[in-house]
Amino acid sequence: MNNEGIYSIAQLAAYLISESYHLTYRQGCNDAYYNPRNRQYILVPIFQERLLSKEEIIELFTESKATDLPPELEYHRFTLYLHAR
């Protein structure tokens, strides 16, 4: 993590996999991660070198409706995951 609140696509993908999301298909410039608990998908950009801000991650969680918690809480769980690694 370079700056506080800036995260890589790889960090987000690792978090989703650790939470039992499954990478299932590619749609345009996004990878689709399937959440079997609520049968929804979250689309994550495939550009590994791109960095995401806190707001962009919350927006991904909000748009997908695939998270188990509300988007802001899911973001905090994501940051806890990163600090625990």
Protein backbone atom coordinates (compact mmCIF):
# COMPACT_ATOMS: atom_id res chain seq x y z
CA MET A 1 0.00 0.00 0.00
CA ASN A 2 1.63 3.23 -1.14
CA ASN A 3 -0.60 5.77 0.57
CA GLU A 4 -3.34 5.42 3.12
CA GLY A 5 -6.62 4.92 1.23
CA ILE A 6 -4.97 3.79 -2.03
CA TYR A 7 -5.16 0.09 -2.87
CA SER A 8 -4.22 -2.15 -5.77
CA ILE A 9 -6.54 -4.32 -7.82
CA ALA A 10 -4.49 -7.34 -6.67
CA GLN A 11 -5.22 -6.51 -3.00
CA LEU A 12 -8.94 -6.26 -3.71
CA ALA A 13 -8.93 -9.53 -5.70
CA ALA A 14 -7.05 -11.33 -2.90
CA TYR A 15 -9.60 -10.07 -0.38
CA LEU A 16 -12.54 -11.24 -2.48
CA ILE A 17 -11.00 -14.68 -2.91
CA SER A 18 -10.34 -14.91 0.83
CA GLU A 19 -14.03 -14.15 1.41
CA SER A 20 -15.02 -17.10 -0.85
CA TYR A 21 -15.87 -15.11 -3.97
CA HIS A 22 -15.15 -17.04 -7.16
CA LEU A 23 -13.61 -15.53 -10.28
CA THR A 24 -16.05 -16.75 -12.90
CA TYR A 25 -15.84 -14.75 -16.13
CA ARG A 26 -14.55 -11.60 -17.80
CA GLN A 27 -16.97 -8.91 -18.98
CA GLY A 28 -15.32 -6.22 -21.08
CA CYS A 29 -12.48 -4.77 -18.98
CA ASN A 30 -13.70 -6.35 -15.74
CA ASP A 31 -13.36 -9.65 -13.95
CA ALA A 32 -16.58 -10.93 -12.39
CA TYR A 33 -16.31 -12.35 -8.87
CA TYR A 34 -19.32 -14.42 -7.81
CA ASN A 35 -20.60 -14.39 -4.23
CA PRO A 36 -22.36 -17.74 -3.69
CA ARG A 37 -24.02 -16.50 -0.49
CA ASN A 38 -26.24 -13.99 -2.29
CA ARG A 39 -25.75 -15.09 -5.93
CA GLN A 40 -24.48 -11.70 -7.09
CA TYR A 41 -21.39 -10.58 -8.98
CA ILE A 42 -18.92 -7.80 -8.33
CA LEU A 43 -17.06 -6.47 -11.36
CA VAL A 44 -13.42 -5.56 -10.72
CA PRO A 45 -11.23 -3.83 -13.34
CA ILE A 46 -8.62 -6.15 -14.86
CA PHE A 47 -5.84 -3.56 -15.05
CA GLN A 48 -3.48 -4.84 -12.34
CA GLU A 49 -1.33 -1.70 -12.33
CA ARG A 50 -4.30 0.55 -11.59
CA LEU A 51 -4.79 1.83 -8.05
CA LEU A 52 -8.17 2.34 -6.41
CA SER A 53 -9.14 4.91 -3.82
CA LYS A 54 -11.41 4.29 -0.86
CA GLU A 55 -14.28 5.97 -2.72
CA GLU A 56 -13.78 3.81 -5.82
CA ILE A 57 -13.82 0.61 -3.77
CA ILE A 58 -16.98 1.65 -1.95
CA GLU A 59 -18.53 2.52 -5.33
CA LEU A 60 -17.65 -0.97 -6.68
CA PHE A 61 -19.28 -2.54 -3.61
CA THR A 62 -22.34 -0.29 -3.93
CA GLU A 63 -22.91 -0.88 -7.65
CA SER A 64 -22.55 -4.65 -7.41
CA LYS A 65 -24.84 -5.36 -4.45
CA ALA A 66 -22.75 -8.55 -4.09
CA THR A 67 -21.26 -7.82 -0.68
CA ASP A 68 -22.48 -9.46 2.51
CA LEU A 69 -22.36 -6.18 4.45
CA PRO A 70 -23.27 -2.61 3.50
CA PRO A 71 -20.54 -1.10 1.26
CA GLU A 72 -18.89 1.06 3.96
CA LEU A 73 -18.67 -1.85 6.39
CA GLU A 74 -17.37 -4.14 3.65
CA TYR A 75 -14.65 -1.55 2.94
CA HIS A 76 -13.63 -1.58 6.61
CA ARG A 77 -13.53 -5.38 6.58
CA PHE A 78 -11.29 -5.13 3.49
CA THR A 79 -8.87 -2.79 5.30
CA LEU A 80 -8.83 -5.09 8.34
CA TYR A 81 -7.97 -7.97 6.03
CA LEU A 82 -5.03 -5.99 4.64
CA HIS A 83 -3.71 -5.06 8.09
CA ALA A 84 -4.03 -8.64 9.33
CA ARG A 85 -1.90 -10.04 6.49
